């Protein structure tokens, strides 16, 4: 006959190693600081702690004279299981929040039930209702089934949340999260017939699936959103040129000597129509230049890879162009040669 305790200990050790790998991938792979990533890591860490203490309890079961320590170890495995349910509920809701607004009270039912569950673990471990020792061996008390039922209620509630927000989530996300909610509770059926408990190994596999299909995608989407917002913060909304913030950053980061021509424009009229027409004219005439709108009626431009004579000719031609187009503007420009600024010329 196969030693079930040996199988459980072995699989839990393997599952802890697997979760360490997943956690390292989460920490070093995406550097996510968003809420889904934080809660996902909380789930992983809680599962790792629970698996370690569960394996230790099997090793010490029936072999330890210090009953209080054995009760404490088993109590921690129960508490971590309750916390995993809470953290995964928070994770699920935070994933939904990346796509649609979710009321703050949505997680409250799970928070209340799991909070009472932790309290039941603390009290029941020492009054014999949750667990007790008989002949040096761990035995689950009557509160054990009630705790499982309470966590099952949390699972059913989270299925309802997924149903309510199903249109905001991709089908693959819904399937993976729904499967995760079911996998750990499948363990109760396994333990009922085989008298072995594979909760934590099953959790490790479930978290791996969540990481591959949901979590990495969530982090990627969050990174894209941040990049879009960052680009928008450096862009003038009217002209789509760089704004004053982008100009300041460019000045700070510019390598000495890379900017050959610096041009300052000042418009005689700051109406939206005049500003847009001027910005279009600058971009059409100076391809490859960096253009910044630094105030309502002022623009700054950096020109690269142009000699002094070519720059003077280009500026003269641009002055004729904007006069013909009826755009009122004056400009000054300066040419930077070998780090020395020279030849400031005014034009209109």
C-alpha atoms as a PDB file:
ATOM      1  CA  UNK A   1       0.000   0.000   0.000  1.00  0.00           C
ATOM      2  CA  UNK A   2       1.299   3.473  -0.899  1.00  0.00           C
ATOM      3  CA  UNK A   3       2.220   5.643   2.078  1.00  0.00           C
ATOM      4  CA  UNK A   4      -0.232   8.529   1.626  1.00  0.00           C
ATOM      5  CA  UNK A   5       1.596  10.795   4.094  1.00  0.00           C
ATOM      6  CA  UNK A   6       4.845  10.362   2.177  1.00  0.00           C
ATOM      7  CA  UNK A   7       3.031  11.235  -1.059  1.00  0.00           C
ATOM      8  CA  UNK A   8       1.520  14.368   0.490  1.00  0.00           C
ATOM      9  CA  UNK A   9       4.830  15.571   1.937  1.00  0.00           C
ATOM     10  CA  UNK A  10       6.612  14.966  -1.371  1.00  0.00           C
ATOM     11  CA  UNK A  11       4.001  16.761  -3.458  1.00  0.00           C
ATOM     12  CA  UNK A  12       3.911  19.686  -1.040  1.00  0.00           C
ATOM     13  CA  UNK A  13       7.679  20.083  -1.215  1.00  0.00           C
ATOM     14  CA  UNK A  14       7.491  20.027  -5.008  1.00  0.00           C
ATOM     15  CA  UNK A  15       4.590  22.500  -4.963  1.00  0.00           C
ATOM     16  CA  UNK A  16       6.544  24.922  -2.742  1.00  0.00           C
ATOM     17  CA  UNK A  17       9.482  24.793  -5.165  1.00  0.00           C
ATOM     18  CA  UNK A  18       7.093  25.433  -8.058  1.00  0.00           C
ATOM     19  CA  UNK A  19       5.525  28.412  -6.263  1.00  0.00           C
ATOM     20  CA  UNK A  20       8.958  29.861  -5.499  1.00  0.00           C
ATOM     21  CA  UNK A  21       9.709  29.734  -9.237  1.00  0.00           C
ATOM     22  CA  UNK A  22       6.360  31.388 -10.015  1.00  0.00           C
ATOM     23  CA  UNK A  23       6.965  34.054  -7.363  1.00  0.00           C
ATOM     24  CA  UNK A  24      10.418  34.800  -8.774  1.00  0.00           C
ATOM     25  CA  UNK A  25       8.858  35.130 -12.225  1.00  0.00           C
ATOM     26  CA  UNK A  26       6.274  37.515 -10.816  1.00  0.00           C
ATOM     27  CA  UNK A  27       8.851  39.638  -8.965  1.00  0.00           C
ATOM     28  CA  UNK A  28      11.668  39.714 -11.518  1.00  0.00           C
ATOM     29  CA  UNK A  29       9.692  39.201 -14.712  1.00  0.00           C
ATOM     30  CA  UNK A  30       7.226  42.095 -14.712  1.00  0.00           C
ATOM     31  CA  UNK A  31       8.045  44.299 -11.703  1.00  0.00           C
ATOM     32  CA  UNK A  32       4.305  44.879 -11.356  1.00  0.00           C
ATOM     33  CA  UNK A  33       3.189  47.193  -8.561  1.00  0.00           C
ATOM     34  CA  UNK A  34      -0.465  47.125  -9.534  1.00  0.00           C
ATOM     35  CA  UNK A  35      -3.146  45.707  -7.231  1.00  0.00           C
ATOM     36  CA  UNK A  36      -3.665  42.400  -9.093  1.00  0.00           C
ATOM     37  CA  UNK A  37       0.045  41.614  -8.881  1.00  0.00           C
ATOM     38  CA  UNK A  38       0.231  42.487  -5.175  1.00  0.00           C
ATOM     39  CA  UNK A  39      -2.734  40.261  -4.320  1.00  0.00           C
ATOM     40  CA  UNK A  40      -1.415  37.482  -6.541  1.00  0.00           C
ATOM     41  CA  UNK A  41       1.853  37.511  -4.623  1.00  0.00           C
ATOM     42  CA  UNK A  42      -0.073  37.461  -1.329  1.00  0.00           C
ATOM     43  CA  UNK A  43      -1.845  34.327  -2.574  1.00  0.00           C
ATOM     44  CA  UNK A  44       1.455  32.691  -3.479  1.00  0.00           C
ATOM     45  CA  UNK A  45       3.179  33.533  -0.206  1.00  0.00           C
ATOM     46  CA  UNK A  46       0.186  32.345   1.863  1.00  0.00           C
ATOM     47  CA  UNK A  47       0.065  29.091  -0.097  1.00  0.00           C
ATOM     48  CA  UNK A  48       3.787  28.522   0.365  1.00  0.00           C
ATOM     49  CA  UNK A  49       3.522  29.085   4.120  1.00  0.00           C
ATOM     50  CA  UNK A  50       0.520  26.785   4.365  1.00  0.00           C
ATOM     51  CA  UNK A  51       2.212  24.034   2.346  1.00  0.00           C
ATOM     52  CA  UNK A  52       5.362  24.159   4.484  1.00  0.00           C
ATOM     53  CA  UNK A  53       3.439  23.972   7.765  1.00  0.00           C
ATOM     54  CA  UNK A  54       1.127  21.279   6.404  1.00  0.00           C
ATOM     55  CA  UNK A  55       4.119  19.134   5.414  1.00  0.00           C
ATOM     56  CA  UNK A  56       5.721  19.694   8.836  1.00  0.00           C
ATOM     57  CA  UNK A  57       2.479  18.658  10.571  1.00  0.00           C
ATOM     58  CA  UNK A  58       2.485  15.353   8.671  1.00  0.00           C
ATOM     59  CA  UNK A  59       6.125  14.750   9.600  1.00  0.00           C
ATOM     60  CA  UNK A  60       5.500  15.435  13.295  1.00  0.00           C
ATOM     61  CA  UNK A  61       2.056  13.840  13.561  1.00  0.00           C
ATOM     62  CA  UNK A  62       2.189  11.059  16.162  1.00  0.00           C
ATOM     63  CA  UNK A  63       5.872  11.661  16.852  1.00  0.00           C
ATOM     64  CA  UNK A  64       5.830  14.804  18.973  1.00  0.00           C
ATOM     65  CA  UNK A  65       5.221  15.161  22.699  1.00  0.00           C
ATOM     66  CA  UNK A  66       4.745  18.946  22.606  1.00  0.00           C
ATOM     67  CA  UNK A  67       1.038  18.989  21.795  1.00  0.00           C
ATOM     68  CA  UNK A  68       0.710  22.769  21.877  1.00  0.00           C
ATOM     69  CA  UNK A  69       3.324  23.182  19.140  1.00  0.00           C
ATOM     70  CA  UNK A  70       1.631  20.575  16.957  1.00  0.00           C
ATOM     71  CA  UNK A  71      -1.730  22.308  17.441  1.00  0.00           C
ATOM     72  CA  UNK A  72      -0.124  25.657  16.527  1.00  0.00           C
ATOM     73  CA  UNK A  73       1.365  24.214  13.331  1.00  0.00           C
ATOM     74  CA  UNK A  74      -1.980  22.755  12.238  1.00  0.00           C
ATOM     75  CA  UNK A  75      -3.774  25.979  13.142  1.00  0.00           C
ATOM     76  CA  UNK A  76      -1.479  27.920  10.807  1.00  0.00           C
ATOM     77  CA  UNK A  77      -2.363  25.597   7.909  1.00  0.00           C
ATOM     78  CA  UNK A  78      -6.061  26.349   8.484  1.00  0.00           C
ATOM     79  CA  UNK A  79      -5.508  30.100   8.777  1.00  0.00           C
ATOM     80  CA  UNK A  80      -3.427  30.292   5.598  1.00  0.00           C
ATOM     81  CA  UNK A  81      -6.137  28.415   3.699  1.00  0.00           C
ATOM     82  CA  UNK A  82      -8.697  30.988   4.862  1.00  0.00           C
ATOM     83  CA  UNK A  83      -6.369  33.853   3.884  1.00  0.00           C
ATOM     84  CA  UNK A  84      -5.816  32.349   0.438  1.00  0.00           C
ATOM     85  CA  UNK A  85      -9.563  32.506  -0.167  1.00  0.00           C
ATOM     86  CA  UNK A  86      -9.608  36.183   0.888  1.00  0.00           C
ATOM     87  CA  UNK A  87      -6.543  37.143  -1.163  1.00  0.00           C
ATOM     88  CA  UNK A  88      -7.826  35.362  -4.252  1.00  0.00           C
ATOM     89  CA  UNK A  89     -11.175  37.130  -3.924  1.00  0.00           C
ATOM     90  CA  UNK A  90      -9.288  40.439  -3.743  1.00  0.00           C
ATOM     91  CA  UNK A  91      -7.181  39.382  -6.722  1.00  0.00           C
ATOM     92  CA  UNK A  92     -10.249  38.488  -8.788  1.00  0.00           C
ATOM     93  CA  UNK A  93     -11.972  41.783  -8.035  1.00  0.00           C
ATOM     94  CA  UNK A  94      -8.792  43.776  -8.759  1.00  0.00           C
ATOM     95  CA  UNK A  95      -8.501  42.041 -12.151  1.00  0.00           C
ATOM     96  CA  UNK A  96     -12.084  43.073 -12.895  1.00  0.00           C
ATOM     97  CA  UNK A  97     -11.261  46.626 -11.750  1.00  0.00           C
ATOM     98  CA  UNK A  98      -8.607  46.913 -14.465  1.00  0.00           C
ATOM     99  CA  UNK A  99     -11.465  46.801 -16.963  1.00  0.00           C
ATOM    100  CA  UNK A 100     -14.519  48.250 -15.207  1.00  0.00           C
ATOM    101  CA  UNK A 101     -15.350  50.082 -11.968  1.00  0.00           C
ATOM    102  CA  UNK A 102     -16.319  47.777  -9.082  1.00  0.00           C
ATOM    103  CA  UNK A 103     -18.080  49.006  -5.899  1.00  0.00           C
ATOM    104  CA  UNK A 104     -15.935  48.900  -2.767  1.00  0.00           C
ATOM    105  CA  UNK A 105     -18.467  46.741  -0.918  1.00  0.00           C
ATOM    106  CA  UNK A 106     -18.128  43.888  -3.442  1.00  0.00           C
ATOM    107  CA  UNK A 107     -15.430  42.111  -1.451  1.00  0.00           C
ATOM    108  CA  UNK A 108     -17.075  42.701   1.937  1.00  0.00           C
ATOM    109  CA  UNK A 109     -19.006  39.376   2.142  1.00  0.00           C
ATOM    110  CA  UNK A 110     -15.787  37.415   1.603  1.00  0.00           C
ATOM    111  CA  UNK A 111     -13.871  39.668   4.005  1.00  0.00           C
ATOM    112  CA  UNK A 112     -16.482  39.155   6.752  1.00  0.00           C
ATOM    113  CA  UNK A 113     -16.685  35.372   6.288  1.00  0.00           C
ATOM    114  CA  UNK A 114     -12.924  34.889   6.139  1.00  0.00           C
ATOM    115  CA  UNK A 115     -12.443  37.217   9.106  1.00  0.00           C
ATOM    116  CA  UNK A 116     -14.822  35.066  11.140  1.00  0.00           C
ATOM    117  CA  UNK A 117     -13.011  32.014   9.744  1.00  0.00           C
ATOM    118  CA  UNK A 118      -9.657  33.204  11.097  1.00  0.00           C
ATOM    119  CA  UNK A 119     -11.287  33.872  14.469  1.00  0.00           C
ATOM    120  CA  UNK A 120     -12.791  30.365  14.418  1.00  0.00           C
ATOM    121  CA  UNK A 121      -9.340  28.914  13.659  1.00  0.00           C
ATOM    122  CA  UNK A 122      -7.802  30.725  16.621  1.00  0.00           C
ATOM    123  CA  UNK A 123     -10.541  29.752  19.082  1.00  0.00           C
ATOM    124  CA  UNK A 124     -11.292  26.270  17.734  1.00  0.00           C
ATOM    125  CA  UNK A 125      -7.652  25.187  17.785  1.00  0.00           C
ATOM    126  CA  UNK A 126      -7.491  25.534  21.560  1.00  0.00           C
ATOM    127  CA  UNK A 127     -11.008  24.476  22.620  1.00  0.00           C
ATOM    128  CA  UNK A 128     -10.946  21.296  20.532  1.00  0.00           C
ATOM    129  CA  UNK A 129     -13.750  22.372  18.190  1.00  0.00           C
ATOM    130  CA  UNK A 130     -11.601  22.854  15.080  1.00  0.00           C
ATOM    131  CA  UNK A 131      -8.857  20.346  15.817  1.00  0.00           C
ATOM    132  CA  UNK A 132      -7.536  18.269  18.685  1.00  0.00           C
ATOM    133  CA  UNK A 133      -4.942  15.577  19.390  1.00  0.00           C
ATOM    134  CA  UNK A 134      -5.852  11.998  20.120  1.00  0.00           C
ATOM    135  CA  UNK A 135      -3.021   9.635  21.002  1.00  0.00           C
ATOM    136  CA  UNK A 136      -0.570  12.182  19.671  1.00  0.00           C
ATOM    137  CA  UNK A 137      -2.303  12.356  16.282  1.00  0.00           C
ATOM    138  CA  UNK A 138      -4.151  15.281  14.744  1.00  0.00           C
ATOM    139  CA  UNK A 139      -7.943  14.967  14.489  1.00  0.00           C
ATOM    140  CA  UNK A 140     -10.280  17.488  12.845  1.00  0.00           C
ATOM    141  CA  UNK A 141     -13.133  18.684  15.044  1.00  0.00           C
ATOM    142  CA  UNK A 142     -16.739  19.584  14.148  1.00  0.00           C
ATOM    143  CA  UNK A 143     -15.814  23.162  13.199  1.00  0.00           C
ATOM    144  CA  UNK A 144     -13.650  21.813  10.364  1.00  0.00           C
ATOM    145  CA  UNK A 145     -16.681  20.980   8.203  1.00  0.00           C
ATOM    146  CA  UNK A 146     -18.301  24.297   9.077  1.00  0.00           C
ATOM    147  CA  UNK A 147     -15.167  26.157   8.012  1.00  0.00           C
ATOM    148  CA  UNK A 148     -15.147  24.274   4.704  1.00  0.00           C
ATOM    149  CA  UNK A 149     -18.810  25.170   4.229  1.00  0.00           C
ATOM    150  CA  UNK A 150     -18.119  28.848   4.944  1.00  0.00           C
ATOM    151  CA  UNK A 151     -15.300  28.923   2.403  1.00  0.00           C
ATOM    152  CA  UNK A 152     -17.591  27.172  -0.085  1.00  0.00           C
ATOM    153  CA  UNK A 153     -20.057  30.038   0.402  1.00  0.00           C
ATOM    154  CA  UNK A 154     -17.236  32.439  -0.487  1.00  0.00           C
ATOM    155  CA  UNK A 155     -16.580  30.394  -3.615  1.00  0.00           C
ATOM    156  CA  UNK A 156     -20.237  30.523  -4.664  1.00  0.00           C
ATOM    157  CA  UNK A 157     -20.332  34.274  -4.025  1.00  0.00           C
ATOM    158  CA  UNK A 158     -17.252  34.821  -6.211  1.00  0.00           C
ATOM    159  CA  UNK A 159     -18.940  32.808  -8.985  1.00  0.00           C
ATOM    160  CA  UNK A 160     -21.790  35.305  -8.742  1.00  0.00           C
ATOM    161  CA  UNK A 161     -19.318  38.220  -9.003  1.00  0.00           C
ATOM    162  CA  UNK A 162     -17.787  36.647 -12.120  1.00  0.00           C
ATOM    163  CA  UNK A 163     -21.258  36.249 -13.608  1.00  0.00           C
ATOM    164  CA  UNK A 164     -22.180  39.886 -12.923  1.00  0.00           C
ATOM    165  CA  UNK A 165     -18.977  41.216 -14.537  1.00  0.00           C
ATOM    166  CA  UNK A 166     -18.654  38.537 -17.228  1.00  0.00           C
ATOM    167  CA  UNK A 167     -18.954  41.077 -20.064  1.00  0.00           C
ATOM    168  CA  UNK A 168     -15.948  43.031 -18.775  1.00  0.00           C
ATOM    169  CA  UNK A 169     -13.639  40.006 -18.789  1.00  0.00           C
ATOM    170  CA  UNK A 170     -12.247  37.849 -21.542  1.00  0.00           C
ATOM    171  CA  UNK A 171     -13.582  34.318 -21.735  1.00  0.00           C
ATOM    172  CA  UNK A 172     -10.184  32.793 -20.917  1.00  0.00           C
ATOM    173  CA  UNK A 173      -9.940  34.926 -17.751  1.00  0.00           C
ATOM    174  CA  UNK A 174     -13.398  33.863 -16.587  1.00  0.00           C
ATOM    175  CA  UNK A 175     -12.660  30.176 -17.238  1.00  0.00           C
ATOM    176  CA  UNK A 176      -9.317  30.228 -15.402  1.00  0.00           C
ATOM    177  CA  UNK A 177     -10.628  32.091 -12.347  1.00  0.00           C
ATOM    178  CA  UNK A 178     -13.755  29.924 -12.199  1.00  0.00           C
ATOM    179  CA  UNK A 179     -11.590  26.805 -12.458  1.00  0.00           C
ATOM    180  CA  UNK A 180      -9.327  28.061  -9.684  1.00  0.00           C
ATOM    181  CA  UNK A 181     -12.313  28.522  -7.386  1.00  0.00           C
ATOM    182  CA  UNK A 182     -13.258  24.899  -8.020  1.00  0.00           C
ATOM    183  CA  UNK A 183      -9.884  23.112  -7.970  1.00  0.00           C
ATOM    184  CA  UNK A 184      -9.040  23.535  -4.270  1.00  0.00           C
ATOM    185  CA  UNK A 185     -12.494  22.369  -3.212  1.00  0.00           C
ATOM    186  CA  UNK A 186     -12.095  19.289  -5.367  1.00  0.00           C
ATOM    187  CA  UNK A 187      -9.581  18.280  -2.712  1.00  0.00           C
ATOM    188  CA  UNK A 188     -12.428  17.611  -0.260  1.00  0.00           C
ATOM    189  CA  UNK A 189     -13.755  14.899  -2.583  1.00  0.00           C
ATOM    190  CA  UNK A 190     -10.277  13.396  -2.949  1.00  0.00           C
ATOM    191  CA  UNK A 191      -9.671  13.324   0.807  1.00  0.00           C
ATOM    192  CA  UNK A 192     -13.127  11.880   1.417  1.00  0.00           C
ATOM    193  CA  UNK A 193     -12.414   8.725  -0.608  1.00  0.00           C
ATOM    194  CA  UNK A 194      -8.627   8.409  -0.504  1.00  0.00           C
ATOM    195  CA  UNK A 195      -7.987   9.969   2.926  1.00  0.00           C
ATOM    196  CA  UNK A 196      -5.224  12.178   1.541  1.00  0.00           C
ATOM    197  CA  UNK A 197      -5.131  15.951   1.342  1.00  0.00           C
ATOM    198  CA  UNK A 198      -3.678  17.560  -1.774  1.00  0.00           C
ATOM    199  CA  UNK A 199      -4.968  21.089  -1.218  1.00  0.00           C
ATOM    200  CA  UNK A 200      -1.635  22.881  -1.537  1.00  0.00           C
ATOM    201  CA  UNK A 201      -0.257  20.954  -4.535  1.00  0.00           C
ATOM    202  CA  UNK A 202      -3.553  21.608  -6.318  1.00  0.00           C
ATOM    203  CA  UNK A 203      -3.251  25.299  -5.404  1.00  0.00           C
ATOM    204  CA  UNK A 204       0.289  25.414  -6.820  1.00  0.00           C
ATOM    205  CA  UNK A 205      -0.915  24.052 -10.163  1.00  0.00           C
ATOM    206  CA  UNK A 206      -3.895  26.426 -10.151  1.00  0.00           C
ATOM    207  CA  UNK A 207      -1.681  29.446  -9.457  1.00  0.00           C
ATOM    208  CA  UNK A 208       0.638  28.427 -12.287  1.00  0.00           C
ATOM    209  CA  UNK A 209      -2.308  28.377 -14.688  1.00  0.00           C
ATOM    210  CA  UNK A 210      -3.523  31.752 -13.376  1.00  0.00           C
ATOM    211  CA  UNK A 211      -0.031  33.214 -13.827  1.00  0.00           C
ATOM    212  CA  UNK A 212       0.365  31.986 -17.409  1.00  0.00           C
ATOM    213  CA  UNK A 213      -3.116  32.865 -18.701  1.00  0.00           C
ATOM    214  CA  UNK A 214      -4.338  35.795 -16.582  1.00  0.00           C
ATOM    215  CA  UNK A 215      -1.673  37.501 -14.476  1.00  0.00           C
ATOM    216  CA  UNK A 216       0.967  38.076 -17.152  1.00  0.00           C
ATOM    217  CA  UNK A 217      -1.694  39.438 -19.496  1.00  0.00           C
ATOM    218  CA  UNK A 218      -2.978  41.780 -16.782  1.00  0.00           C
ATOM    219  CA  UNK A 219       0.523  43.145 -16.145  1.00  0.00           C
ATOM    220  CA  UNK A 220       1.129  43.606 -19.881  1.00  0.00           C
ATOM    221  CA  UNK A 221      -2.143  45.528 -20.282  1.00  0.00           C
ATOM    222  CA  UNK A 222      -1.310  47.661 -17.251  1.00  0.00           C
ATOM    223  CA  UNK A 223       2.129  48.469 -18.691  1.00  0.00           C
ATOM    224  CA  UNK A 224       0.569  49.525 -22.004  1.00  0.00           C
ATOM    225  CA  UNK A 225      -1.918  51.800 -20.198  1.00  0.00           C
ATOM    226  CA  UNK A 226       0.875  53.385 -18.181  1.00  0.00           C
ATOM    227  CA  UNK A 227       2.903  53.949 -21.342  1.00  0.00           C
ATOM    228  CA  UNK A 228      -0.073  55.614 -23.059  1.00  0.00           C
ATOM    229  CA  UNK A 229      -0.722  57.867 -20.050  1.00  0.00           C
ATOM    230  CA  UNK A 230       2.967  58.734 -19.833  1.00  0.00           C
ATOM    231  CA  UNK A 231       3.111  59.656 -23.514  1.00  0.00           C
ATOM    232  CA  UNK A 232      -0.030  61.763 -23.118  1.00  0.00           C
ATOM    233  CA  UNK A 233       1.536  63.650 -20.208  1.00  0.00           C
ATOM    234  CA  UNK A 234       4.403  64.734 -22.501  1.00  0.00           C
ATOM    235  CA  UNK A 235       2.167  65.765 -25.416  1.00  0.00           C
ATOM    236  CA  UNK A 236       0.382  69.034 -26.129  1.00  0.00           C
ATOM    237  CA  UNK A 237      -3.249  68.006 -26.770  1.00  0.00           C
ATOM    238  CA  UNK A 238      -3.914  70.694 -29.399  1.00  0.00           C
ATOM    239  CA  UNK A 239      -0.882  70.321 -31.667  1.00  0.00           C
ATOM    240  CA  UNK A 240       0.287  66.789 -30.722  1.00  0.00           C
ATOM    241  CA  UNK A 241       3.762  68.273 -30.293  1.00  0.00           C
ATOM    242  CA  UNK A 242       5.834  67.905 -27.169  1.00  0.00           C
ATOM    243  CA  UNK A 243       4.746  70.079 -24.233  1.00  0.00           C
ATOM    244  CA  UNK A 244       6.795  72.066 -21.705  1.00  0.00           C
ATOM    245  CA  UNK A 245       7.345  68.948 -19.586  1.00  0.00           C
ATOM    246  CA  UNK A 246       8.762  67.102 -22.605  1.00  0.00           C
ATOM    247  CA  UNK A 247      10.940  70.111 -23.391  1.00  0.00           C
ATOM    248  CA  UNK A 248      12.375  70.183 -19.864  1.00  0.00           C
ATOM    249  CA  UNK A 249      13.089  66.441 -19.991  1.00  0.00           C
ATOM    250  CA  UNK A 250      14.800  66.844 -23.353  1.00  0.00           C
ATOM    251  CA  UNK A 251      17.049  69.603 -22.021  1.00  0.00           C
ATOM    252  CA  UNK A 252      18.057  67.441 -19.035  1.00  0.00           C
ATOM    253  CA  UNK A 253      18.755  64.303 -21.051  1.00  0.00           C
ATOM    254  CA  UNK A 254      20.398  65.823 -24.122  1.00  0.00           C
ATOM    255  CA  UNK A 255      23.988  64.756 -24.760  1.00  0.00           C
ATOM    256  CA  UNK A 256      26.399  67.695 -25.202  1.00  0.00           C
ATOM    257  CA  UNK A 257      26.768  68.574 -28.846  1.00  0.00           C
ATOM    258  CA  UNK A 258      23.866  66.475 -30.184  1.00  0.00           C
ATOM    259  CA  UNK A 259      21.616  69.512 -30.757  1.00  0.00           C
ATOM    260  CA  UNK A 260      22.941  71.595 -33.671  1.00  0.00           C
ATOM    261  CA  UNK A 261      20.149  74.111 -34.113  1.00  0.00           C
ATOM    262  CA  UNK A 262      17.784  75.606 -31.525  1.00  0.00           C
ATOM    263  CA  UNK A 263      14.871  77.720 -32.748  1.00  0.00           C
ATOM    264  CA  UNK A 264      12.456  79.776 -30.658  1.00  0.00           C
ATOM    265  CA  UNK A 265       9.133  80.797 -32.223  1.00  0.00           C
ATOM    266  CA  UNK A 266       6.619  83.311 -30.895  1.00  0.00           C
ATOM    267  CA  UNK A 267       3.201  83.638 -32.508  1.00  0.00           C
ATOM    268  CA  UNK A 268       1.446  86.971 -32.893  1.00  0.00           C
ATOM    269  CA  UNK A 269      -1.880  85.230 -32.278  1.00  0.00           C
ATOM    270  CA  UNK A 270      -2.491  82.315 -29.890  1.00  0.00           C
ATOM    271  CA  UNK A 271      -5.865  81.313 -31.321  1.00  0.00           C
ATOM    272  CA  UNK A 272      -6.363  77.563 -31.666  1.00  0.00           C
ATOM    273  CA  UNK A 273      -6.574  77.828 -35.460  1.00  0.00           C
ATOM    274  CA  UNK A 274      -3.349  79.813 -35.731  1.00  0.00           C
ATOM    275  CA  UNK A 275      -1.497  77.522 -33.310  1.00  0.00           C
ATOM    276  CA  UNK A 276      -2.567  74.355 -35.172  1.00  0.00           C
ATOM    277  CA  UNK A 277      -1.716  75.801 -38.602  1.00  0.00           C
ATOM    278  CA  UNK A 278       1.696  76.904 -37.356  1.00  0.00           C
ATOM    279  CA  UNK A 279       2.455  73.495 -35.772  1.00  0.00           C
ATOM    280  CA  UNK A 280       1.543  71.742 -39.030  1.00  0.00           C
ATOM    281  CA  UNK A 281       3.762  74.106 -41.010  1.00  0.00           C
ATOM    282  CA  UNK A 282       6.736  73.497 -38.710  1.00  0.00           C
ATOM    283  CA  UNK A 283       6.379  69.708 -38.874  1.00  0.00           C
ATOM    284  CA  UNK A 284       6.026  69.793 -42.667  1.00  0.00           C
ATOM    285  CA  UNK A 285       9.101  71.999 -43.128  1.00  0.00           C
ATOM    286  CA  UNK A 286      11.441  70.422 -40.527  1.00  0.00           C
ATOM    287  CA  UNK A 287      11.138  66.665 -40.798  1.00  0.00           C
ATOM    288  CA  UNK A 288      13.045  64.876 -38.027  1.00  0.00           C
ATOM    289  CA  UNK A 289      13.157  67.922 -35.743  1.00  0.00           C
ATOM    290  CA  UNK A 290      11.847  67.889 -32.170  1.00  0.00           C
ATOM    291  CA  UNK A 291       9.075  70.478 -31.741  1.00  0.00           C
ATOM    292  CA  UNK A 292       7.734  71.604 -28.344  1.00  0.00           C
ATOM    293  CA  UNK A 293       4.915  73.971 -27.442  1.00  0.00           C
ATOM    294  CA  UNK A 294       6.239  75.626 -24.297  1.00  0.00           C
ATOM    295  CA  UNK A 295       3.466  78.194 -23.771  1.00  0.00           C
ATOM    296  CA  UNK A 296       0.244  79.352 -25.416  1.00  0.00           C
ATOM    297  CA  UNK A 297       2.080  81.305 -28.122  1.00  0.00           C
ATOM    298  CA  UNK A 298       5.645  79.945 -27.988  1.00  0.00           C
ATOM    299  CA  UNK A 299       7.336  76.959 -29.606  1.00  0.00           C
ATOM    300  CA  UNK A 300      10.851  75.584 -29.250  1.00  0.00           C
ATOM    301  CA  UNK A 301      12.512  73.371 -31.876  1.00  0.00           C
ATOM    302  CA  UNK A 302      15.697  71.274 -31.921  1.00  0.00           C
ATOM    303  CA  UNK A 303      17.220  70.530 -35.339  1.00  0.00           C
ATOM    304  CA  UNK A 304      19.803  67.775 -35.905  1.00  0.00           C
ATOM    305  CA  UNK A 305      22.338  66.924 -38.616  1.00  0.00           C
ATOM    306  CA  UNK A 306      22.205  70.272 -40.368  1.00  0.00           C
ATOM    307  CA  UNK A 307      25.145  72.548 -41.061  1.00  0.00           C
ATOM    308  CA  UNK A 308      25.090  76.236 -40.256  1.00  0.00           C
ATOM    309  CA  UNK A 309      24.544  77.356 -43.849  1.00  0.00           C
ATOM    310  CA  UNK A 310      21.794  74.793 -44.426  1.00  0.00           C
ATOM    311  CA  UNK A 311      20.028  75.881 -41.232  1.00  0.00           C
ATOM    312  CA  UNK A 312      20.121  79.590 -42.229  1.00  0.00           C
ATOM    313  CA  UNK A 313      18.735  78.747 -45.670  1.00  0.00           C
ATOM    314  CA  UNK A 314      15.994  76.575 -44.171  1.00  0.00           C
ATOM    315  CA  UNK A 315      14.937  79.235 -41.675  1.00  0.00           C
ATOM    316  CA  UNK A 316      14.785  81.883 -44.394  1.00  0.00           C
ATOM    317  CA  UNK A 317      12.629  79.609 -46.534  1.00  0.00           C
ATOM    318  CA  UNK A 318      10.354  78.827 -43.575  1.00  0.00           C
ATOM    319  CA  UNK A 319       9.907  82.557 -42.890  1.00  0.00           C
ATOM    320  CA  UNK A 320       8.663  83.020 -46.474  1.00  0.00           C
ATOM    321  CA  UNK A 321       6.331  80.029 -46.118  1.00  0.00           C
ATOM    322  CA  UNK A 322       4.505  81.217 -43.010  1.00  0.00           C
ATOM    323  CA  UNK A 323       4.189  84.769 -44.403  1.00  0.00           C
ATOM    324  CA  UNK A 324       2.568  83.391 -47.543  1.00  0.00           C
ATOM    325  CA  UNK A 325       0.205  81.299 -45.396  1.00  0.00           C
ATOM    326  CA  UNK A 326      -0.757  84.335 -43.328  1.00  0.00           C
ATOM    327  CA  UNK A 327       0.636  82.925 -40.090  1.00  0.00           C
ATOM    328  CA  UNK A 328       2.006  85.656 -37.854  1.00  0.00           C
ATOM    329  CA  UNK A 329       5.152  84.585 -36.032  1.00  0.00           C
ATOM    330  CA  UNK A 330       8.654  85.721 -35.183  1.00  0.00           C
ATOM    331  CA  UNK A 331      11.604  83.472 -34.493  1.00  0.00           C
ATOM    332  CA  UNK A 332      15.168  83.474 -33.256  1.00  0.00           C
ATOM    333  CA  UNK A 333      17.573  80.645 -33.849  1.00  0.00           C
ATOM    334  CA  UNK A 334      21.017  79.707 -32.675  1.00  0.00           C
ATOM    335  CA  UNK A 335      23.551  77.289 -34.140  1.00  0.00           C
ATOM    336  CA  UNK A 336      25.678  75.127 -31.854  1.00  0.00           C
ATOM    337  CA  UNK A 337      29.039  74.152 -33.294  1.00  0.00           C
ATOM    338  CA  UNK A 338      31.505  72.120 -31.201  1.00  0.00           C
ATOM    339  CA  UNK A 339      29.736  73.094 -28.027  1.00  0.00           C
ATOM    340  CA  UNK A 340      29.847  76.857 -28.707  1.00  0.00           C
ATOM    341  CA  UNK A 341      26.662  78.809 -29.433  1.00  0.00           C
ATOM    342  CA  UNK A 342      26.900  81.395 -32.201  1.00  0.00           C
ATOM    343  CA  UNK A 343      25.140  83.403 -34.874  1.00  0.00           C
ATOM    344  CA  UNK A 344      21.755  84.277 -33.419  1.00  0.00           C
ATOM    345  CA  UNK A 345      19.551  85.635 -36.187  1.00  0.00           C
ATOM    346  CA  UNK A 346      16.061  87.062 -36.055  1.00  0.00           C
ATOM    347  CA  UNK A 347      13.412  86.407 -38.668  1.00  0.00           C
ATOM    348  CA  UNK A 348       9.718  86.897 -39.254  1.00  0.00           C
END
